[in-house]
Amino acid sequence: MIRAALADLGVRPDDTLFVHSDMSRWVRLAGGGRSGRLATVLDGLRGAAARGTVMMPTFTYSFCEGRSFHRAGSPSTVGALTEYFRRRPGVRRTADPLFSAAILGPVSAAWESALFAVCDKDCFGDRSVFAYLLWSNAAVVFLGSDPDDCTFLLHVEQLEQVPYRYFKEFRGEVTDGEPAREVTARYFVRDLDADVVSFLRPLMDALRDRRELVERQLDGGPTIGVARARAIASAARAGLRANPDYLLTRGHRATV
């Protein structure tokens, strides 16, 4: 079911997929018990990109609170499917202590060190996993997840240096089956003192109008949507250049 739907939405067997998911929206799903149902979903995703790569976010914001990041042990905080996926055989996890991703399948050799080496990280910079999505023109998949929850857009906001975000550094330890190493993660954070609330609906509606975000309702399940990283970035950058508040509900500038 998932495999066929993704193929209908333009996913190819050699594609890179970056999957946002919300398992709470499933009504019917084959497989015995929780693990069996999660395995059914993963089988569908892997089948759709059989010669490609499946990626999921496995973010761990506790690094911002001073806790160390253990690549093998720190649980994902962004959904049951992502945690199940990162623990599967053959899945590797990137080394960003805030915005890690779990990856099953090949990654370009030119990106191996940038993604997997334990070192200082620019979370949404030009060697981040989000930059890799743009470089590879990944299919960003929304599996029951609202397209408004598109983390990739923080990379676009950093590229455009939007005025309502600024760089903040977090320092702590990363462990990877060896002595801990202290690293710095640079994060383009939202200005909490400004009038800033993200609102991606106009962007997503524009992508729908152009058929660059295509969606399908799964039988007994949620809506699944697919948009290419380059299409998302192109539309968002054009919108931001016309209006710096394009991705916000209200202007970030103070009004009288």
C-alpha atoms as a PDB file:
ATOM      1  CA  MET A   1       0.000   0.000   0.000  1.00  0.00           C
ATOM      2  CA  ILE A   2       2.684   2.529   1.013  1.00  0.00           C
ATOM      3  CA  ARG A   3       5.039   1.379  -1.702  1.00  0.00           C
ATOM      4  CA  ALA A   4       2.374   1.707  -4.422  1.00  0.00           C
ATOM      5  CA  ALA A   5       1.249   5.107  -3.143  1.00  0.00           C
ATOM      6  CA  LEU A   6       4.794   6.475  -3.145  1.00  0.00           C
ATOM      7  CA  ALA A   7       5.382   5.169  -6.669  1.00  0.00           C
ATOM      8  CA  ASP A   8       2.179   6.901  -7.799  1.00  0.00           C
ATOM      9  CA  LEU A   9       3.465  10.109  -6.180  1.00  0.00           C
ATOM     10  CA  GLY A  10       6.680  10.003  -8.195  1.00  0.00           C
ATOM     11  CA  VAL A  11       9.118   8.208  -5.884  1.00  0.00           C
ATOM     12  CA  ARG A  12      11.670   6.146  -7.794  1.00  0.00           C
ATOM     13  CA  PRO A  13      13.503   3.002  -6.596  1.00  0.00           C
ATOM     14  CA  ASP A  14      16.845   4.855  -6.471  1.00  0.00           C
ATOM     15  CA  ASP A  15      15.519   7.894  -4.594  1.00  0.00           C
ATOM     16  CA  THR A  16      16.566   9.319  -1.252  1.00  0.00           C
ATOM     17  CA  LEU A  17      13.554   9.688   1.063  1.00  0.00           C
ATOM     18  CA  PHE A  18      13.394  11.908   4.136  1.00  0.00           C
ATOM     19  CA  VAL A  19      10.323  10.810   6.082  1.00  0.00           C
ATOM     20  CA  HIS A  20       8.282  12.852   8.549  1.00  0.00           C
ATOM     21  CA  SER A  21       5.693  10.623  10.230  1.00  0.00           C
ATOM     22  CA  ASP A  22       2.763  10.603  12.633  1.00  0.00           C
ATOM     23  CA  MET A  23       1.634   7.081  13.523  1.00  0.00           C
ATOM     24  CA  SER A  24      -1.365   8.311  15.520  1.00  0.00           C
ATOM     25  CA  ARG A  25      -3.284   8.924  12.300  1.00  0.00           C
ATOM     26  CA  TRP A  26      -3.419   5.276  11.228  1.00  0.00           C
ATOM     27  CA  VAL A  27      -6.806   3.560  11.482  1.00  0.00           C
ATOM     28  CA  ARG A  28      -5.861   0.208   9.988  1.00  0.00           C
ATOM     29  CA  LEU A  29      -2.388  -1.236   9.565  1.00  0.00           C
ATOM     30  CA  ALA A  30      -1.242  -4.812   8.992  1.00  0.00           C
ATOM     31  CA  GLY A  31       1.166  -6.507  11.363  1.00  0.00           C
ATOM     32  CA  GLY A  32       0.960  -8.138  14.772  1.00  0.00           C
ATOM     33  CA  GLY A  33       1.420  -5.747  17.664  1.00  0.00           C
ATOM     34  CA  ARG A  34       3.154  -2.390  17.688  1.00  0.00           C
ATOM     35  CA  SER A  35       6.476  -3.651  16.312  1.00  0.00           C
ATOM     36  CA  GLY A  36       4.743  -5.534  13.540  1.00  0.00           C
ATOM     37  CA  ARG A  37       2.811  -2.451  12.436  1.00  0.00           C
ATOM     38  CA  LEU A  38       5.935  -0.300  12.472  1.00  0.00           C
ATOM     39  CA  ALA A  39       7.758  -2.973  10.463  1.00  0.00           C
ATOM     40  CA  THR A  40       4.946  -2.903   7.885  1.00  0.00           C
ATOM     41  CA  VAL A  41       5.449   0.835   7.414  1.00  0.00           C
ATOM     42  CA  LEU A  42       9.217   0.474   7.085  1.00  0.00           C
ATOM     43  CA  ASP A  43       8.825  -2.357   4.590  1.00  0.00           C
ATOM     44  CA  GLY A  44       6.648  -0.089   2.450  1.00  0.00           C
ATOM     45  CA  LEU A  45       9.114   2.791   2.597  1.00  0.00           C
ATOM     46  CA  ARG A  46      12.090   0.558   1.869  1.00  0.00           C
ATOM     47  CA  GLY A  47      10.243  -1.128  -0.968  1.00  0.00           C
ATOM     48  CA  ALA A  48       9.535   2.226  -2.583  1.00  0.00           C
ATOM     49  CA  ALA A  49      13.253   3.145  -2.517  1.00  0.00           C
ATOM     50  CA  ALA A  50      14.653  -0.368  -2.890  1.00  0.00           C
ATOM     51  CA  ARG A  51      17.907   0.808  -4.512  1.00  0.00           C
ATOM     52  CA  GLY A  52      17.960   4.146  -2.742  1.00  0.00           C
ATOM     53  CA  THR A  53      18.105   5.528   0.788  1.00  0.00           C
ATOM     54  CA  VAL A  54      15.531   6.011   3.546  1.00  0.00           C
ATOM     55  CA  MET A  55      16.213   8.727   6.113  1.00  0.00           C
ATOM     56  CA  MET A  56      14.264   9.836   9.191  1.00  0.00           C
ATOM     57  CA  PRO A  57      14.792  12.563  11.796  1.00  0.00           C
ATOM     58  CA  THR A  58      15.974  11.325  15.211  1.00  0.00           C
ATOM     59  CA  PHE A  59      16.291  14.686  16.950  1.00  0.00           C
ATOM     60  CA  THR A  60      17.469  14.933  20.587  1.00  0.00           C
ATOM     61  CA  TYR A  61      16.963  18.428  21.983  1.00  0.00           C
ATOM     62  CA  SER A  62      18.315  17.391  25.410  1.00  0.00           C
ATOM     63  CA  PHE A  63      21.782  18.446  24.213  1.00  0.00           C
ATOM     64  CA  CYS A  64      20.516  22.038  24.604  1.00  0.00           C
ATOM     65  CA  GLU A  65      19.922  21.250  28.287  1.00  0.00           C
ATOM     66  CA  GLY A  66      23.501  20.144  28.892  1.00  0.00           C
ATOM     67  CA  ARG A  67      23.020  16.395  28.501  1.00  0.00           C
ATOM     68  CA  SER A  68      25.471  14.388  26.423  1.00  0.00           C
ATOM     69  CA  PHE A  69      24.474  12.824  23.110  1.00  0.00           C
ATOM     70  CA  HIS A  70      25.089   9.094  22.720  1.00  0.00           C
ATOM     71  CA  ARG A  71      24.750   8.192  19.071  1.00  0.00           C
ATOM     72  CA  ALA A  72      23.726   4.590  19.761  1.00  0.00           C
ATOM     73  CA  GLY A  73      21.713   5.166  22.909  1.00  0.00           C
ATOM     74  CA  SER A  74      20.045   8.589  22.930  1.00  0.00           C
ATOM     75  CA  PRO A  75      16.412   7.962  21.897  1.00  0.00           C
ATOM     76  CA  SER A  76      14.720   9.898  19.144  1.00  0.00           C
ATOM     77  CA  THR A  77      12.194  12.413  20.446  1.00  0.00           C
ATOM     78  CA  VAL A  78      10.218  12.798  17.210  1.00  0.00           C
ATOM     79  CA  GLY A  79       7.941   9.771  17.039  1.00  0.00           C
ATOM     80  CA  ALA A  80       7.674   6.040  17.511  1.00  0.00           C
ATOM     81  CA  LEU A  81       8.521   5.163  13.924  1.00  0.00           C
ATOM     82  CA  THR A  82      11.776   7.139  13.999  1.00  0.00           C
ATOM     83  CA  GLU A  83      12.925   5.437  17.204  1.00  0.00           C
ATOM     84  CA  TYR A  84      12.028   2.003  15.848  1.00  0.00           C
ATOM     85  CA  PHE A  85      13.808   2.761  12.586  1.00  0.00           C
ATOM     86  CA  ARG A  86      17.067   3.975  14.140  1.00  0.00           C
ATOM     87  CA  ARG A  87      17.394   0.685  16.064  1.00  0.00           C
ATOM     88  CA  ARG A  88      16.987  -1.530  12.995  1.00  0.00           C
ATOM     89  CA  PRO A  89      19.958  -3.525  11.633  1.00  0.00           C
ATOM     90  CA  GLY A  90      21.971  -1.655   9.021  1.00  0.00           C
ATOM     91  CA  VAL A  91      20.686   1.792  10.017  1.00  0.00           C
ATOM     92  CA  ARG A  92      23.331   4.445  10.724  1.00  0.00           C
ATOM     93  CA  ARG A  93      22.812   7.643  12.662  1.00  0.00           C
ATOM     94  CA  THR A  94      24.425  10.971  11.861  1.00  0.00           C
ATOM     95  CA  ALA A  95      26.534  12.676  14.519  1.00  0.00           C
ATOM     96  CA  ASP A  96      24.710  16.003  14.958  1.00  0.00           C
ATOM     97  CA  PRO A  97      23.834  16.043  18.684  1.00  0.00           C
ATOM     98  CA  LEU A  98      20.660  18.088  18.112  1.00  0.00           C
ATOM     99  CA  PHE A  99      19.354  17.232  14.650  1.00  0.00           C
ATOM    100  CA  SER A 100      20.578  13.727  13.922  1.00  0.00           C
ATOM    101  CA  ALA A 101      19.019  11.522  11.253  1.00  0.00           C
ATOM    102  CA  ALA A 102      18.830   7.747  10.895  1.00  0.00           C
ATOM    103  CA  ILE A 103      19.872   6.482   7.467  1.00  0.00           C
ATOM    104  CA  LEU A 104      19.387   3.146   5.723  1.00  0.00           C
ATOM    105  CA  GLY A 105      21.075   2.881   2.348  1.00  0.00           C
ATOM    106  CA  PRO A 106      23.976   4.474   0.503  1.00  0.00           C
ATOM    107  CA  VAL A 107      25.240   8.005   1.045  1.00  0.00           C
ATOM    108  CA  SER A 108      27.566   9.785  -1.358  1.00  0.00           C
ATOM    109  CA  ALA A 109      31.199   9.243  -0.318  1.00  0.00           C
ATOM    110  CA  ALA A 110      31.733  13.015  -0.487  1.00  0.00           C
ATOM    111  CA  TRP A 111      29.280  13.411   2.403  1.00  0.00           C
ATOM    112  CA  GLU A 112      30.390  10.578   4.708  1.00  0.00           C
ATOM    113  CA  SER A 113      32.610  12.670   6.964  1.00  0.00           C
ATOM    114  CA  ALA A 114      30.251  15.656   7.052  1.00  0.00           C
ATOM    115  CA  LEU A 115      27.359  13.504   8.221  1.00  0.00           C
ATOM    116  CA  PHE A 116      28.955  10.845  10.397  1.00  0.00           C
ATOM    117  CA  ALA A 117      32.167  12.259  11.872  1.00  0.00           C
ATOM    118  CA  VAL A 118      31.984  13.350  15.531  1.00  0.00           C
ATOM    119  CA  CYS A 119      33.007  17.018  15.359  1.00  0.00           C
ATOM    120  CA  ASP A 120      31.595  20.539  15.623  1.00  0.00           C
ATOM    121  CA  LYS A 121      28.345  20.861  13.688  1.00  0.00           C
ATOM    122  CA  ASP A 122      26.394  23.624  11.986  1.00  0.00           C
ATOM    123  CA  CYS A 123      22.929  22.063  12.363  1.00  0.00           C
ATOM    124  CA  PHE A 124      21.421  23.651   9.247  1.00  0.00           C
ATOM    125  CA  GLY A 125      24.610  24.635   7.443  1.00  0.00           C
ATOM    126  CA  ASP A 126      26.023  23.675   4.074  1.00  0.00           C
ATOM    127  CA  ARG A 127      27.352  20.297   5.301  1.00  0.00           C
ATOM    128  CA  SER A 128      24.324  19.328   7.364  1.00  0.00           C
ATOM    129  CA  VAL A 129      21.916  16.492   6.630  1.00  0.00           C
ATOM    130  CA  PHE A 130      19.449  19.129   5.387  1.00  0.00           C
ATOM    131  CA  ALA A 131      21.993  20.409   2.886  1.00  0.00           C
ATOM    132  CA  TYR A 132      22.362  16.791   1.766  1.00  0.00           C
ATOM    133  CA  LEU A 133      18.634  16.654   1.062  1.00  0.00           C
ATOM    134  CA  LEU A 134      18.979  19.673  -1.215  1.00  0.00           C
ATOM    135  CA  TRP A 135      22.131  18.314  -2.874  1.00  0.00           C
ATOM    136  CA  SER A 136      20.474  14.950  -3.609  1.00  0.00           C
ATOM    137  CA  ASN A 137      17.047  16.456  -4.379  1.00  0.00           C
ATOM    138  CA  ALA A 138      15.529  14.067  -1.869  1.00  0.00           C
ATOM    139  CA  ALA A 139      11.844  13.262  -1.809  1.00  0.00           C
ATOM    140  CA  VAL A 140      10.539  14.761   1.429  1.00  0.00           C
ATOM    141  CA  VAL A 141       7.733  12.445   2.555  1.00  0.00           C
ATOM    142  CA  PHE A 142       4.924  13.414   4.935  1.00  0.00           C
ATOM    143  CA  LEU A 143       3.485  10.135   6.211  1.00  0.00           C
ATOM    144  CA  GLY A 144       0.480  11.267   8.233  1.00  0.00           C
ATOM    145  CA  SER A 145       2.523  14.280   9.286  1.00  0.00           C
ATOM    146  CA  ASP A 146       1.361  17.787   8.450  1.00  0.00           C
ATOM    147  CA  PRO A 147       3.546  19.303   5.696  1.00  0.00           C
ATOM    148  CA  ASP A 148       3.683  22.394   7.913  1.00  0.00           C
ATOM    149  CA  ASP A 149       6.162  20.399  10.063  1.00  0.00           C
ATOM    150  CA  CYS A 150       8.923  20.526   7.430  1.00  0.00           C
ATOM    151  CA  THR A 151      12.223  20.842   9.327  1.00  0.00           C
ATOM    152  CA  PHE A 152      14.127  21.134   6.045  1.00  0.00           C
ATOM    153  CA  LEU A 153      12.862  24.715   5.808  1.00  0.00           C
ATOM    154  CA  LEU A 154      15.170  25.774   8.649  1.00  0.00           C
ATOM    155  CA  HIS A 155      18.030  25.105   6.224  1.00  0.00           C
ATOM    156  CA  VAL A 156      16.354  27.401   3.695  1.00  0.00           C
ATOM    157  CA  GLU A 157      15.854  30.084   6.351  1.00  0.00           C
ATOM    158  CA  GLN A 158      19.548  29.862   7.191  1.00  0.00           C
ATOM    159  CA  LEU A 159      20.501  30.112   3.524  1.00  0.00           C
ATOM    160  CA  GLU A 160      18.395  33.264   3.297  1.00  0.00           C
ATOM    161  CA  GLN A 161      19.603  34.593   6.687  1.00  0.00           C
ATOM    162  CA  VAL A 162      16.079  35.490   7.771  1.00  0.00           C
ATOM    163  CA  PRO A 163      16.019  38.348  10.301  1.00  0.00           C
ATOM    164  CA  TYR A 164      13.921  36.542  12.928  1.00  0.00           C
ATOM    165  CA  ARG A 165      16.537  33.862  13.644  1.00  0.00           C
ATOM    166  CA  TYR A 166      20.071  34.086  14.973  1.00  0.00           C
ATOM    167  CA  PHE A 167      22.967  31.737  15.647  1.00  0.00           C
ATOM    168  CA  LYS A 168      23.325  30.200  19.088  1.00  0.00           C
ATOM    169  CA  GLU A 169      25.991  27.703  20.133  1.00  0.00           C
ATOM    170  CA  PHE A 170      25.506  24.700  22.398  1.00  0.00           C
ATOM    171  CA  ARG A 171      28.510  22.834  23.745  1.00  0.00           C
ATOM    172  CA  GLY A 172      28.544  19.348  25.224  1.00  0.00           C
ATOM    173  CA  GLU A 173      29.770  15.785  24.934  1.00  0.00           C
ATOM    174  CA  VAL A 174      29.148  13.255  22.190  1.00  0.00           C
ATOM    175  CA  THR A 175      29.873   9.578  22.809  1.00  0.00           C
ATOM    176  CA  ASP A 176      30.102   6.925  20.133  1.00  0.00           C
ATOM    177  CA  GLY A 177      31.483   3.767  21.738  1.00  0.00           C
ATOM    178  CA  GLU A 178      34.718   5.569  22.548  1.00  0.00           C
ATOM    179  CA  PRO A 179      35.872   8.290  24.950  1.00  0.00           C
ATOM    180  CA  ALA A 180      33.480  11.233  24.941  1.00  0.00           C
ATOM    181  CA  ARG A 181      34.375  14.187  22.753  1.00  0.00           C
ATOM    182  CA  GLU A 182      33.309  17.775  23.440  1.00  0.00           C
ATOM    183  CA  VAL A 183      31.745  19.456  20.422  1.00  0.00           C
ATOM    184  CA  THR A 184      29.853  22.621  19.569  1.00  0.00           C
ATOM    185  CA  ALA A 185      26.527  22.591  17.759  1.00  0.00           C
ATOM    186  CA  ARG A 186      25.611  25.860  16.052  1.00  0.00           C
ATOM    187  CA  TYR A 187      21.842  26.247  15.723  1.00  0.00           C
ATOM    188  CA  PHE A 188      20.005  29.010  13.816  1.00  0.00           C
ATOM    189  CA  VAL A 189      17.397  29.536  16.532  1.00  0.00           C
ATOM    190  CA  ARG A 190      14.149  31.470  16.488  1.00  0.00           C
ATOM    191  CA  ASP A 191      14.141  34.770  18.370  1.00  0.00           C
ATOM    192  CA  LEU A 192      11.816  34.009  21.281  1.00  0.00           C
ATOM    193  CA  ASP A 193      11.546  37.699  22.167  1.00  0.00           C
ATOM    194  CA  ALA A 194      10.180  38.622  18.749  1.00  0.00           C
ATOM    195  CA  ASP A 195       6.680  38.193  17.342  1.00  0.00           C
ATOM    196  CA  VAL A 196       7.592  35.020  15.449  1.00  0.00           C
ATOM    197  CA  VAL A 197       5.259  32.088  14.804  1.00  0.00           C
ATOM    198  CA  SER A 198       6.038  29.798  11.875  1.00  0.00           C
ATOM    199  CA  PHE A 199       3.216  29.310   9.384  1.00  0.00           C
ATOM    200  CA  LEU A 200       3.957  27.261   6.277  1.00  0.00           C
ATOM    201  CA  ARG A 201       0.452  26.921   4.844  1.00  0.00           C
ATOM    202  CA  PRO A 202       0.869  29.541   2.069  1.00  0.00           C
ATOM    203  CA  LEU A 203       4.073  27.847   0.914  1.00  0.00           C
ATOM    204  CA  MET A 204       2.539  24.370   0.972  1.00  0.00           C
ATOM    205  CA  ASP A 205      -0.588  25.584  -0.837  1.00  0.00           C
ATOM    206  CA  ALA A 206       1.621  27.157  -3.522  1.00  0.00           C
ATOM    207  CA  LEU A 207       3.464  23.856  -3.931  1.00  0.00           C
ATOM    208  CA  ARG A 208       0.133  22.030  -4.209  1.00  0.00           C
ATOM    209  CA  ASP A 209      -1.077  24.450  -6.862  1.00  0.00           C
ATOM    210  CA  ARG A 210       2.035  23.730  -8.922  1.00  0.00           C
ATOM    211  CA  ARG A 211       1.765  19.969  -8.320  1.00  0.00           C
ATOM    212  CA  GLU A 212       5.142  20.076  -6.584  1.00  0.00           C
ATOM    213  CA  LEU A 213       3.528  18.742  -3.409  1.00  0.00           C
ATOM    214  CA  VAL A 214       1.397  15.750  -4.345  1.00  0.00           C
ATOM    215  CA  GLU A 215      -0.747  13.843  -1.880  1.00  0.00           C
ATOM    216  CA  ARG A 216      -2.830  10.689  -1.623  1.00  0.00           C
ATOM    217  CA  GLN A 217      -5.132   9.294   1.052  1.00  0.00           C
ATOM    218  CA  LEU A 218      -4.082   5.790   2.075  1.00  0.00           C
ATOM    219  CA  ASP A 219      -6.828   3.198   2.503  1.00  0.00           C
ATOM    220  CA  GLY A 220      -7.406   2.901   6.246  1.00  0.00           C
ATOM    221  CA  GLY A 221      -4.541   5.257   6.907  1.00  0.00           C
ATOM    222  CA  PRO A 222      -3.421   8.875   6.766  1.00  0.00           C
ATOM    223  CA  THR A 223      -2.651  11.169   3.886  1.00  0.00           C
ATOM    224  CA  ILE A 224       0.807  10.705   2.385  1.00  0.00           C
ATOM    225  CA  GLY A 225       2.496  13.623   0.643  1.00  0.00           C
ATOM    226  CA  VAL A 226       5.713  14.005  -1.342  1.00  0.00           C
ATOM    227  CA  ALA A 227       7.644  17.114  -2.371  1.00  0.00           C
ATOM    228  CA  ARG A 228      11.168  17.409  -3.745  1.00  0.00           C
ATOM    229  CA  ALA A 229      13.709  19.275  -1.637  1.00  0.00           C
ATOM    230  CA  ARG A 230      14.710  21.570  -4.499  1.00  0.00           C
ATOM    231  CA  ALA A 231      11.103  22.495  -5.244  1.00  0.00           C
ATOM    232  CA  ILE A 232      10.490  23.321  -1.570  1.00  0.00           C
ATOM    233  CA  ALA A 233      13.676  25.386  -1.384  1.00  0.00           C
ATOM    234  CA  SER A 234      13.033  27.257  -4.629  1.00  0.00           C
ATOM    235  CA  ALA A 235       9.493  28.247  -3.669  1.00  0.00           C
ATOM    236  CA  ALA A 236      10.487  29.215  -0.114  1.00  0.00           C
ATOM    237  CA  ARG A 237      13.485  31.286  -1.214  1.00  0.00           C
ATOM    238  CA  ALA A 238      11.383  33.160  -3.770  1.00  0.00           C
ATOM    239  CA  GLY A 239       8.742  33.856  -1.140  1.00  0.00           C
ATOM    240  CA  LEU A 240      11.269  35.039   1.433  1.00  0.00           C
ATOM    241  CA  ARG A 241      12.967  37.362  -1.023  1.00  0.00           C
ATOM    242  CA  ALA A 242       9.617  38.959  -1.810  1.00  0.00           C
ATOM    243  CA  ASN A 243       8.568  39.084   1.844  1.00  0.00           C
ATOM    244  CA  PRO A 244      10.913  38.222   4.750  1.00  0.00           C
ATOM    245  CA  ASP A 245       7.826  37.254   6.812  1.00  0.00           C
ATOM    246  CA  TYR A 246       6.631  34.727   4.199  1.00  0.00           C
ATOM    247  CA  LEU A 247       6.976  31.739   6.559  1.00  0.00           C
ATOM    248  CA  LEU A 248       5.417  33.469   9.578  1.00  0.00           C
ATOM    249  CA  THR A 249       1.870  33.959  10.791  1.00  0.00           C
ATOM    250  CA  ARG A 250       2.606  37.565  11.698  1.00  0.00           C
ATOM    251  CA  GLY A 251       5.417  40.027  11.086  1.00  0.00           C
ATOM    252  CA  HIS A 252       8.477  39.687  13.254  1.00  0.00           C
ATOM    253  CA  ARG A 253       8.897  43.450  13.402  1.00  0.00           C
ATOM    254  CA  ALA A 254       7.291  45.367  16.245  1.00  0.00           C
ATOM    255  CA  THR A 255       4.161  47.281  15.305  1.00  0.00           C
ATOM    256  CA  VAL A 256       2.802  50.425  16.910  1.00  0.00           C
END
